[in-house]
C-alpha atoms as a PDB file:
ATOM      1  CA  MET A   1      -0.004  -0.303   0.067  1.00  0.00           C
ATOM      2  CA  CYS A   2       1.889   3.621  -0.871  1.00  0.00           C
ATOM      3  CA  LYS A   3       1.877   5.627   2.074  1.00  0.00           C
ATOM      4  CA  ASN A   4       2.585   8.720  -0.088  1.00  0.00           C
ATOM      5  CA  ARG A   5      -0.264  11.198  -0.158  1.00  0.00           C
ATOM      6  CA  ILE A   6      -0.354  15.407  -0.546  1.00  0.00           C
ATOM      7  CA  PHE A   7      -3.809  17.405   0.301  1.00  0.00           C
ATOM      8  CA  VAL A   8      -4.929  20.346   1.895  1.00  0.00           C
ATOM      9  CA  ALA A   9      -6.259  20.440   5.925  1.00  0.00           C
ATOM     10  CA  TYR A  10      -8.083  23.413   7.154  1.00  0.00           C
ATOM     11  CA  LYS A  11      -6.729  23.931  10.356  1.00  0.00           C
ATOM     12  CA  PRO A  12      -9.153  25.025  13.248  1.00  0.00           C
ATOM     13  CA  SER A  13      -8.391  28.495  15.381  1.00  0.00           C
ATOM     14  CA  PHE A  14      -5.877  28.123  18.587  1.00  0.00           C
ATOM     15  CA  ILE A  15      -4.192  25.088  18.447  1.00  0.00           C
ATOM     16  CA  SER A  16      -0.803  25.296  16.817  1.00  0.00           C
ATOM     17  CA  SER A  17       0.344  23.836  13.299  1.00  0.00           C
ATOM     18  CA  ASN A  18       2.525  21.077  14.355  1.00  0.00           C
ATOM     19  CA  ARG A  19      -0.235  19.939  17.004  1.00  0.00           C
ATOM     20  CA  PHE A  20      -2.671  19.911  14.411  1.00  0.00           C
ATOM     21  CA  LEU A  21      -0.443  17.507  12.122  1.00  0.00           C
ATOM     22  CA  SER A  22       0.018  15.669  15.256  1.00  0.00           C
ATOM     23  CA  SER A  23      -4.105  14.621  15.404  1.00  0.00           C
ATOM     24  CA  LEU A  24      -3.616  14.176  11.422  1.00  0.00           C
ATOM     25  CA  LYS A  25      -0.987  11.548  12.279  1.00  0.00           C
ATOM     26  CA  LYS A  26      -3.060   9.485  14.676  1.00  0.00           C
ATOM     27  CA  LYS A  27      -6.227   9.947  12.420  1.00  0.00           C
ATOM     28  CA  TYR A  28      -4.686   8.755   8.961  1.00  0.00           C
ATOM     29  CA  LYS A  29      -2.133   6.132  10.995  1.00  0.00           C
ATOM     30  CA  THR A  30       1.322   7.676   9.855  1.00  0.00           C
ATOM     31  CA  LYS A  31       4.226   8.676  11.549  1.00  0.00           C
ATOM     32  CA  LYS A  32       6.344  10.641   8.393  1.00  0.00           C
ATOM     33  CA  ALA A  33       4.080  14.006   7.511  1.00  0.00           C
ATOM     34  CA  GLY A  34       4.550  17.278   7.663  1.00  0.00           C
ATOM     35  CA  PHE A  35       3.345  20.588   6.392  1.00  0.00           C
ATOM     36  CA  SER A  36       4.104  23.910   4.290  1.00  0.00           C
ATOM     37  CA  GLY A  37       3.137  27.118   5.719  1.00  0.00           C
ATOM     38  CA  THR A  38       3.156  27.402   9.536  1.00  0.00           C
ATOM     39  CA  LEU A  39      -0.205  29.307  11.144  1.00  0.00           C
ATOM     40  CA  ASP A  40      -0.096  31.222  13.849  1.00  0.00           C
ATOM     41  CA  PRO A  41      -2.483  29.161  16.356  1.00  0.00           C
ATOM     42  CA  PHE A  42      -5.261  31.442  16.309  1.00  0.00           C
ATOM     43  CA  ALA A  43      -5.186  31.488  12.743  1.00  0.00           C
ATOM     44  CA  ARG A  44      -7.287  29.159  10.537  1.00  0.00           C
ATOM     45  CA  GLY A  45      -7.366  28.288   7.275  1.00  0.00           C
ATOM     46  CA  VAL A  46      -5.607  26.091   4.688  1.00  0.00           C
ATOM     47  CA  LEU A  47      -2.709  23.995   5.296  1.00  0.00           C
ATOM     48  CA  ILE A  48      -0.598  22.061   2.690  1.00  0.00           C
ATOM     49  CA  VAL A  49       0.163  18.129   4.532  1.00  0.00           C
ATOM     50  CA  ALA A  50       1.960  15.661   3.002  1.00  0.00           C
ATOM     51  CA  PHE A  51       2.569  11.881   4.119  1.00  0.00           C
ATOM     52  CA  GLY A  52       5.973   9.278   3.106  1.00  0.00           C
ATOM     53  CA  GLN A  53       8.015  10.388   0.832  1.00  0.00           C
ATOM     54  CA  TYR A  54       5.680  13.774  -0.541  1.00  0.00           C
ATOM     55  CA  THR A  55       7.515  15.661   2.281  1.00  0.00           C
ATOM     56  CA  LYS A  56      10.418  15.971   0.188  1.00  0.00           C
ATOM     57  CA  LEU A  57       8.519  18.148  -2.320  1.00  0.00           C
ATOM     58  CA  PHE A  58       7.132  21.479  -0.158  1.00  0.00           C
ATOM     59  CA  ARG A  59      10.107  23.519  -2.117  1.00  0.00           C
ATOM     60  CA  PHE A  60       8.597  22.360  -5.866  1.00  0.00           C
ATOM     61  CA  LEU A  61       5.094  23.270  -5.131  1.00  0.00           C
ATOM     62  CA  LYS A  62       3.516  26.468  -6.316  1.00  0.00           C
ATOM     63  CA  LYS A  63       1.859  27.528  -3.683  1.00  0.00           C
ATOM     64  CA  SER A  64       1.987  31.498  -4.336  1.00  0.00           C
ATOM     65  CA  PRO A  65       0.098  34.065  -4.182  1.00  0.00           C
ATOM     66  CA  LYS A  66      -1.480  33.138  -0.815  1.00  0.00           C
ATOM     67  CA  THR A  67      -5.099  34.264  -0.103  1.00  0.00           C
ATOM     68  CA  TYR A  68      -5.886  35.671   3.480  1.00  0.00           C
ATOM     69  CA  ARG A  69      -9.072  36.890   4.970  1.00  0.00           C
ATOM     70  CA  ALA A  70      -8.619  38.865   7.983  1.00  0.00           C
ATOM     71  CA  THR A  71     -10.377  41.489  10.417  1.00  0.00           C
ATOM     72  CA  LEU A  72      -8.399  44.356  12.467  1.00  0.00           C
ATOM     73  CA  TRP A  73      -9.627  45.115  15.436  1.00  0.00           C
ATOM     74  CA  ILE A  74      -8.818  49.147  15.548  1.00  0.00           C
ATOM     75  CA  GLY A  75      -8.238  49.752  18.807  1.00  0.00           C
ATOM     76  CA  ALA A  76      -7.092  46.198  20.385  1.00  0.00           C
ATOM     77  CA  LYS A  77      -3.269  47.254  21.110  1.00  0.00           C
ATOM     78  CA  SER A  78      -1.554  43.859  21.739  1.00  0.00           C
ATOM     79  CA  PRO A  79       2.452  43.078  21.379  1.00  0.00           C
ATOM     80  CA  THR A  80       1.634  39.700  19.420  1.00  0.00           C
ATOM     81  CA  LEU A  81      -0.658  41.942  16.361  1.00  0.00           C
ATOM     82  CA  ASP A  82      -3.194  39.355  17.368  1.00  0.00           C
ATOM     83  CA  ILE A  83      -5.992  38.406  19.759  1.00  0.00           C
ATOM     84  CA  GLU A  84      -3.884  36.519  22.066  1.00  0.00           C
ATOM     85  CA  LYS A  85      -1.950  39.280  24.219  1.00  0.00           C
ATOM     86  CA  ILE A  86      -4.405  42.156  24.125  1.00  0.00           C
ATOM     87  CA  THR A  87      -3.014  44.908  26.672  1.00  0.00           C
ATOM     88  CA  GLN A  88      -5.188  47.911  26.213  1.00  0.00           C
ATOM     89  CA  ILE A  89      -8.227  48.240  24.174  1.00  0.00           C
ATOM     90  CA  LYS A  90      -9.278  52.643  23.093  1.00  0.00           C
ATOM     91  CA  GLU A  91     -12.086  53.546  20.952  1.00  0.00           C
ATOM     92  CA  PHE A  92     -11.477  55.120  18.259  1.00  0.00           C
ATOM     93  CA  ASN A  93     -14.165  57.257  15.991  1.00  0.00           C
ATOM     94  CA  PRO A  94     -15.151  55.626  12.664  1.00  0.00           C
ATOM     95  CA  LEU A  95     -12.772  55.842  10.028  1.00  0.00           C
ATOM     96  CA  SER A  96     -14.640  56.959   6.641  1.00  0.00           C
ATOM     97  CA  LEU A  97     -14.582  54.500   3.872  1.00  0.00           C
ATOM     98  CA  LYS A  98     -13.555  57.419   1.572  1.00  0.00           C
ATOM     99  CA  GLU A  99     -10.353  57.121   3.970  1.00  0.00           C
ATOM    100  CA  ILE A 100     -10.074  53.317   4.246  1.00  0.00           C
ATOM    101  CA  ASP A 101      -9.836  53.371   0.550  1.00  0.00           C
ATOM    102  CA  ARG A 102      -7.273  55.819  -0.289  1.00  0.00           C
ATOM    103  CA  VAL A 103      -4.761  53.850   2.001  1.00  0.00           C
ATOM    104  CA  PHE A 104      -5.702  50.551   0.493  1.00  0.00           C
ATOM    105  CA  LYS A 105      -5.244  51.636  -3.007  1.00  0.00           C
ATOM    106  CA  ASN A 106      -1.671  53.690  -1.746  1.00  0.00           C
ATOM    107  CA  LEU A 107      -0.248  50.421  -0.216  1.00  0.00           C
ATOM    108  CA  PRO A 108       3.342  49.431  -1.930  1.00  0.00           C
ATOM    109  CA  LYS A 109       2.547  46.862  -3.974  1.00  0.00           C
ATOM    110  CA  GLU A 110       6.052  46.079  -3.175  1.00  0.00           C
ATOM    111  CA  LEU A 111       5.872  46.185   0.419  1.00  0.00           C
ATOM    112  CA  GLU A 112       9.337  46.266   2.520  1.00  0.00           C
ATOM    113  CA  TYR A 113       8.849  45.626   7.078  1.00  0.00           C
ATOM    114  CA  LEU A 114       9.753  44.148  10.201  1.00  0.00           C
ATOM    115  CA  PRO A 115       8.439  40.616  10.677  1.00  0.00           C
ATOM    116  CA  PRO A 116       6.618  40.103  14.235  1.00  0.00           C
ATOM    117  CA  LYS A 117       8.542  39.873  17.157  1.00  0.00           C
ATOM    118  CA  TYR A 118       6.011  37.021  17.905  1.00  0.00           C
ATOM    119  CA  SER A 119       6.945  35.123  14.769  1.00  0.00           C
ATOM    120  CA  ALA A 120       8.553  31.792  14.011  1.00  0.00           C
ATOM    121  CA  LYS A 121      11.510  33.128  12.465  1.00  0.00           C
ATOM    122  CA  LYS A 122      14.854  32.013  13.829  1.00  0.00           C
ATOM    123  CA  ILE A 123      17.512  34.121  15.799  1.00  0.00           C
ATOM    124  CA  ASP A 124      20.830  32.172  16.455  1.00  0.00           C
ATOM    125  CA  GLY A 125      19.422  29.330  16.063  1.00  0.00           C
ATOM    126  CA  GLN A 126      16.266  30.349  18.411  1.00  0.00           C
ATOM    127  CA  ARG A 127      12.254  31.350  17.762  1.00  0.00           C
ATOM    128  CA  ALA A 128      11.795  34.705  17.232  1.00  0.00           C
ATOM    129  CA  TYR A 129       8.740  33.838  19.522  1.00  0.00           C
ATOM    130  CA  ASN A 130       9.746  32.164  22.466  1.00  0.00           C
ATOM    131  CA  LEU A 131      12.457  34.896  22.488  1.00  0.00           C
ATOM    132  CA  ALA A 132       9.791  37.537  22.345  1.00  0.00           C
ATOM    133  CA  ARG A 133       7.766  35.452  25.446  1.00  0.00           C
ATOM    134  CA  LYS A 134      11.203  35.520  27.487  1.00  0.00           C
ATOM    135  CA  GLU A 135      11.629  39.651  27.144  1.00  0.00           C
ATOM    136  CA  VAL A 136      14.723  39.065  25.543  1.00  0.00           C
ATOM    137  CA  GLU A 137      15.958  42.181  23.075  1.00  0.00           C
ATOM    138  CA  PHE A 138      17.027  41.105  19.454  1.00  0.00           C
ATOM    139  CA  GLU A 139      16.188  42.697  16.473  1.00  0.00           C
ATOM    140  CA  LEU A 140      14.859  41.277  13.205  1.00  0.00           C
ATOM    141  CA  LYS A 141      15.699  41.430   9.199  1.00  0.00           C
ATOM    142  CA  SER A 142      13.046  43.202   7.265  1.00  0.00           C
ATOM    143  CA  ILE A 143      11.454  41.198   4.573  1.00  0.00           C
ATOM    144  CA  LYS A 144      10.064  42.256   1.640  1.00  0.00           C
ATOM    145  CA  THR A 145       6.041  40.923  -0.038  1.00  0.00           C
ATOM    146  CA  THR A 146       4.384  41.658  -3.083  1.00  0.00           C
ATOM    147  CA  ILE A 147       0.814  42.369  -2.475  1.00  0.00           C
ATOM    148  CA  PHE A 148      -1.395  41.417  -5.558  1.00  0.00           C
ATOM    149  CA  ASP A 149      -4.624  42.111  -4.402  1.00  0.00           C
ATOM    150  CA  LEU A 150      -5.828  44.084  -1.648  1.00  0.00           C
ATOM    151  CA  LYS A 151      -9.829  44.755  -1.111  1.00  0.00           C
ATOM    152  CA  LEU A 152     -11.628  45.631   1.461  1.00  0.00           C
ATOM    153  CA  LEU A 153     -14.512  43.253   2.065  1.00  0.00           C
ATOM    154  CA  SER A 154     -17.063  44.989   5.515  1.00  0.00           C
ATOM    155  CA  TYR A 155     -16.076  47.843   7.861  1.00  0.00           C
ATOM    156  CA  SER A 156     -18.580  47.518  11.041  1.00  0.00           C
ATOM    157  CA  HIS A 157     -16.541  50.095  13.482  1.00  0.00           C
ATOM    158  CA  PRO A 158     -14.610  49.091  14.990  1.00  0.00           C
ATOM    159  CA  PHE A 159     -13.987  46.016  12.616  1.00  0.00           C
ATOM    160  CA  LEU A 160     -12.483  46.038   9.558  1.00  0.00           C
ATOM    161  CA  THR A 161     -12.264  43.603   6.999  1.00  0.00           C
ATOM    162  CA  PHE A 162     -10.171  42.756   4.611  1.00  0.00           C
ATOM    163  CA  GLU A 163      -8.845  40.189   2.149  1.00  0.00           C
ATOM    164  CA  ILE A 164      -5.202  40.133   0.652  1.00  0.00           C
ATOM    165  CA  SER A 165      -3.269  37.946  -1.439  1.00  0.00           C
ATOM    166  CA  VAL A 166       0.752  38.330  -0.968  1.00  0.00           C
ATOM    167  CA  SER A 167       3.172  36.216  -2.259  1.00  0.00           C
ATOM    168  CA  GLU A 168       5.191  33.453   0.273  1.00  0.00           C
ATOM    169  CA  GLY A 169       7.066  34.816   3.557  1.00  0.00           C
ATOM    170  CA  GLY A 170       4.549  37.692   3.989  1.00  0.00           C
ATOM    171  CA  TYR A 171       2.984  38.385   7.446  1.00  0.00           C
ATOM    172  CA  ILE A 172      -0.478  39.291   7.629  1.00  0.00           C
ATOM    173  CA  ARG A 173      -0.180  40.875  10.925  1.00  0.00           C
ATOM    174  CA  SER A 174       2.326  43.364  10.042  1.00  0.00           C
ATOM    175  CA  ILE A 175       0.826  44.126   7.119  1.00  0.00           C
ATOM    176  CA  ALA A 176      -2.408  44.836   8.936  1.00  0.00           C
ATOM    177  CA  ASP A 177      -0.032  46.672  11.507  1.00  0.00           C
ATOM    178  CA  ILE A 178       0.993  49.114   8.534  1.00  0.00           C
ATOM    179  CA  LEU A 179      -2.520  49.671   7.219  1.00  0.00           C
ATOM    180  CA  ALA A 180      -3.427  51.018  10.494  1.00  0.00           C
ATOM    181  CA  LYS A 181      -0.881  53.756  10.851  1.00  0.00           C
ATOM    182  CA  GLU A 182      -1.597  54.701   7.347  1.00  0.00           C
ATOM    183  CA  LEU A 183      -5.500  54.878   8.955  1.00  0.00           C
ATOM    184  CA  HIS A 184      -3.849  57.232  12.121  1.00  0.00           C
ATOM    185  CA  VAL A 185      -4.920  54.231  14.536  1.00  0.00           C
ATOM    186  CA  PHE A 186      -3.511  51.291  16.140  1.00  0.00           C
ATOM    187  CA  GLY A 187      -5.462  47.938  16.184  1.00  0.00           C
ATOM    188  CA  SER A 188      -4.837  43.682  15.974  1.00  0.00           C
ATOM    189  CA  LEU A 189      -6.223  41.115  14.197  1.00  0.00           C
ATOM    190  CA  SER A 190      -9.389  39.479  15.899  1.00  0.00           C
ATOM    191  CA  TYR A 191      -9.399  36.912  13.114  1.00  0.00           C
ATOM    192  CA  LEU A 192      -6.862  35.647  10.212  1.00  0.00           C
ATOM    193  CA  GLU A 193      -7.814  32.561   7.787  1.00  0.00           C
ATOM    194  CA  ARG A 194      -6.331  31.340   4.749  1.00  0.00           C
ATOM    195  CA  LEU A 195      -7.995  31.323   1.837  1.00  0.00           C
ATOM    196  CA  ARG A 196      -5.393  29.323  -0.427  1.00  0.00           C
ATOM    197  CA  GLU A 197      -1.846  29.068  -1.185  1.00  0.00           C
ATOM    198  CA  GLY A 198      -1.325  29.066  -5.130  1.00  0.00           C
ATOM    199  CA  ASN A 199      -4.535  26.408  -6.344  1.00  0.00           C
ATOM    200  CA  PHE A 200      -4.394  24.689  -3.340  1.00  0.00           C
ATOM    201  CA  VAL A 201      -7.628  25.267  -1.385  1.00  0.00           C
ATOM    202  CA  TYR A 202      -9.721  23.047   0.951  1.00  0.00           C
ATOM    203  CA  GLU A 203     -11.638  20.301  -0.316  1.00  0.00           C
ATOM    204  CA  ASN A 204     -12.483  18.047   2.358  1.00  0.00           C
ATOM    205  CA  GLU A 205      -8.847  16.547   2.531  1.00  0.00           C
ATOM    206  CA  LYS A 206      -9.128  14.958  -1.108  1.00  0.00           C
ATOM    207  CA  SER A 207      -6.378  13.410  -2.178  1.00  0.00           C
ATOM    208  CA  LEU A 208      -4.085  15.482  -4.941  1.00  0.00           C
ATOM    209  CA  ASN A 209      -1.499  14.094  -7.867  1.00  0.00           C
ATOM    210  CA  PRO A 210       1.506  16.353  -7.120  1.00  0.00           C
ATOM    211  CA  LEU A 211       2.513  16.902 -10.882  1.00  0.00           C
ATOM    212  CA  CYS A 212      -0.737  18.932 -10.971  1.00  0.00           C
ATOM    213  CA  TYR A 213       1.036  21.433  -8.540  1.00  0.00           C
ATOM    214  CA  LEU A 214       4.988  21.478  -9.530  1.00  0.00           C
ATOM    215  CA  LYS A 215       5.882  24.818 -10.209  1.00  0.00           C
ATOM    216  CA  ILE A 216       9.180  23.446 -12.513  1.00  0.00           C
ATOM    217  CA  LYS A 217       8.672  22.114 -15.806  1.00  0.00           C
ATOM    218  CA  GLU A 218       8.655  18.772 -17.244  1.00  0.00           C
ATOM    219  CA  ASN A 219      11.692  17.312 -18.660  1.00  0.00           C
ATOM    220  CA  PHE A 220      12.327  13.573 -20.547  1.00  0.00           C
ATOM    221  CA  TYR A 221      15.051  11.453 -20.402  1.00  0.00           C
ATOM    222  CA  LEU A 222      16.399  10.179 -23.714  1.00  0.00           C
ATOM    223  CA  ALA A 223      18.254   6.971 -22.888  1.00  0.00           C
ATOM    224  CA  ASP A 224      17.414   3.948 -20.667  1.00  0.00           C
ATOM    225  CA  ILE A 225      15.092   4.953 -17.609  1.00  0.00           C
ATOM    226  CA  GLU A 226      16.948   2.554 -15.374  1.00  0.00           C
ATOM    227  CA  ASP A 227      20.065   4.626 -14.894  1.00  0.00           C
ATOM    228  CA  ILE A 228      17.350   6.777 -12.981  1.00  0.00           C
ATOM    229  CA  PHE A 229      15.930   4.145 -11.043  1.00  0.00           C
ATOM    230  CA  LYS A 230      19.257   2.543  -9.994  1.00  0.00           C
ATOM    231  CA  GLY A 231      20.693   6.395  -9.210  1.00  0.00           C
ATOM    232  CA  LYS A 232      23.282   6.264 -11.761  1.00  0.00           C
ATOM    233  CA  VAL A 233      24.980   9.888 -13.080  1.00  0.00           C
ATOM    234  CA  LEU A 234      23.250  11.203 -16.021  1.00  0.00           C
ATOM    235  CA  LYS A 235      24.171  13.004 -19.186  1.00  0.00           C
ATOM    236  CA  ILE A 236      22.664  16.403 -20.160  1.00  0.00           C
ATOM    237  CA  GLU A 237      22.503  15.365 -24.018  1.00  0.00           C
ATOM    238  CA  ASP A 238      20.174  12.541 -22.919  1.00  0.00           C
ATOM    239  CA  PHE A 239      17.771  14.915 -21.715  1.00  0.00           C
ATOM    240  CA  LYS A 240      15.083  17.007 -24.365  1.00  0.00           C
ATOM    241  CA  ILE A 241      15.898  19.993 -22.475  1.00  0.00           C
ATOM    242  CA  LYS A 242      19.451  20.877 -21.601  1.00  0.00           C
ATOM    243  CA  GLU A 243      19.261  24.412 -20.442  1.00  0.00           C
ATOM    244  CA  GLU A 244      19.941  25.276 -16.625  1.00  0.00           C
ATOM    245  CA  GLY A 245      17.329  24.628 -14.211  1.00  0.00           C
ATOM    246  CA  VAL A 246      15.218  22.524 -12.116  1.00  0.00           C
ATOM    247  CA  TYR A 247      12.994  19.977 -14.092  1.00  0.00           C
ATOM    248  CA  PHE A 248      10.975  16.791 -13.144  1.00  0.00           C
ATOM    249  CA  LEU A 249      10.947  13.180 -14.809  1.00  0.00           C
ATOM    250  CA  ASP A 250       7.940  11.390 -14.835  1.00  0.00           C
ATOM    251  CA  CYS A 251       9.237   7.472 -15.354  1.00  0.00           C
ATOM    252  CA  ASN A 252       6.804   4.842 -14.993  1.00  0.00           C
ATOM    253  CA  ASP A 253       4.944   6.379 -12.119  1.00  0.00           C
ATOM    254  CA  ASN A 254       7.690   7.507 -10.316  1.00  0.00           C
ATOM    255  CA  LEU A 255       8.999  11.076  -9.784  1.00  0.00           C
ATOM    256  CA  THR A 256      12.291  12.028 -10.142  1.00  0.00           C
ATOM    257  CA  ILE A 257      13.211  15.751  -9.898  1.00  0.00           C
ATOM    258  CA  ILE A 258      16.989  16.782 -11.221  1.00  0.00           C
ATOM    259  CA  LYS A 259      18.995  20.066 -11.468  1.00  0.00           C
ATOM    260  CA  ILE A 260      20.936  20.906 -14.538  1.00  0.00           C
ATOM    261  CA  LYS A 261      23.550  23.376 -13.843  1.00  0.00           C
ATOM    262  CA  ASN A 262      27.218  23.742 -15.640  1.00  0.00           C
ATOM    263  CA  ASN A 263      26.038  21.235 -17.876  1.00  0.00           C
ATOM    264  CA  ALA A 264      26.169  18.633 -15.569  1.00  0.00           C
ATOM    265  CA  VAL A 265      22.731  16.891 -14.068  1.00  0.00           C
ATOM    266  CA  SER A 266      22.176  16.353 -10.396  1.00  0.00           C
ATOM    267  CA  TYR A 267      19.170  14.913  -8.261  1.00  0.00           C
ATOM    268  CA  GLU A 268      17.523  16.313  -6.142  1.00  0.00           C
ATOM    269  CA  VAL A 269      15.044  13.820  -5.089  1.00  0.00           C
ATOM    270  CA  ASN A 270      14.728  10.347  -7.150  1.00  0.00           C
ATOM    271  CA  ASN A 271      12.454   8.389  -7.276  1.00  0.00           C
ATOM    272  CA  ILE A 272       9.116   8.500  -5.601  1.00  0.00           C
ATOM    273  CA  LYS A 273       6.102   6.898  -6.262  1.00  0.00           C
ATOM    274  CA  LEU A 274       2.985   8.808  -7.344  1.00  0.00           C
ATOM    275  CA  CYS A 275       0.223   7.177  -5.466  1.00  0.00           C
END
C-alpha cells in the first residue's frame, strides 16, 4: 500500500500547526508527515500536508500567491498583533470609507517591513516568539512582500475586514499593523483565515496529484530509464531540455526531480512513487 499522500487540511483556530499535524498523523495512522506554511495558533485555514516521500516536495510546489481573510480590531493593542495578548482597548472615532479606500489603494505593491516579534523566525537558532515571551531583546531583519490584491470586505466599527493576496513568507499581522498606522489608529487582528495557497484550496482532505501543483517544468530522459531507477550519473545530452534549471521527470509513475547546472545533471529527489 502506497503511503505517499498530499492534501489540503483546514487548521482550526487556537491550535498550533504542529499539534494539528499530530492529530492528522493519528487520524491517518502515519508516522512520516509534514506541512508547509506555518499558521499562527490563533489563525485558521488552509494547510498543505504531505505523508511519506511527498514530504520532500514542498519546495517544488507552487504555493503563491497566498490569500487570506483578516479582521483588524481597531483600538486593540497587542504585542503579538493579534488577540492572544491584548493589553489595551481604546475607542477611536469611526473611519470614513473614503479614507480606508485611499489607504488601501496607496499601499505599495512591493512592501518592505519587519516581521512580528512573535513569529517563527529564527534568531541564532531560536524562534523569535520564544525570545519575545522571555522578554529577550533582539532585532529582526526586514523582509519584502509582494501584494497582489487587497480589497475591503466590510467595515463595522471597530472591525475592518479585508482580503489580501501576497507572496510566500508574508506576515498579515504586520501588514495589518501598517494599514492601521496609515489610518492613524492602532489595532490587532481578531480573525485570520488562509483561504488558499496558489491553487491549493480545502476540499475535505482530498488526495491530490503532486504533478498538478509543481512549479517546475517537465523534462524527458531519452536514454535507458533504468539509469534513473538505479541512481546512475546522468548525462546532459540524454535530456530533451538541456538548459539550466530544475525539472521533474515522470518515469513510469515514479517522480524524479533533477537540476541542470554547468552542463552537469544532479538529483534533487529520486524515485518518489506516485500514488
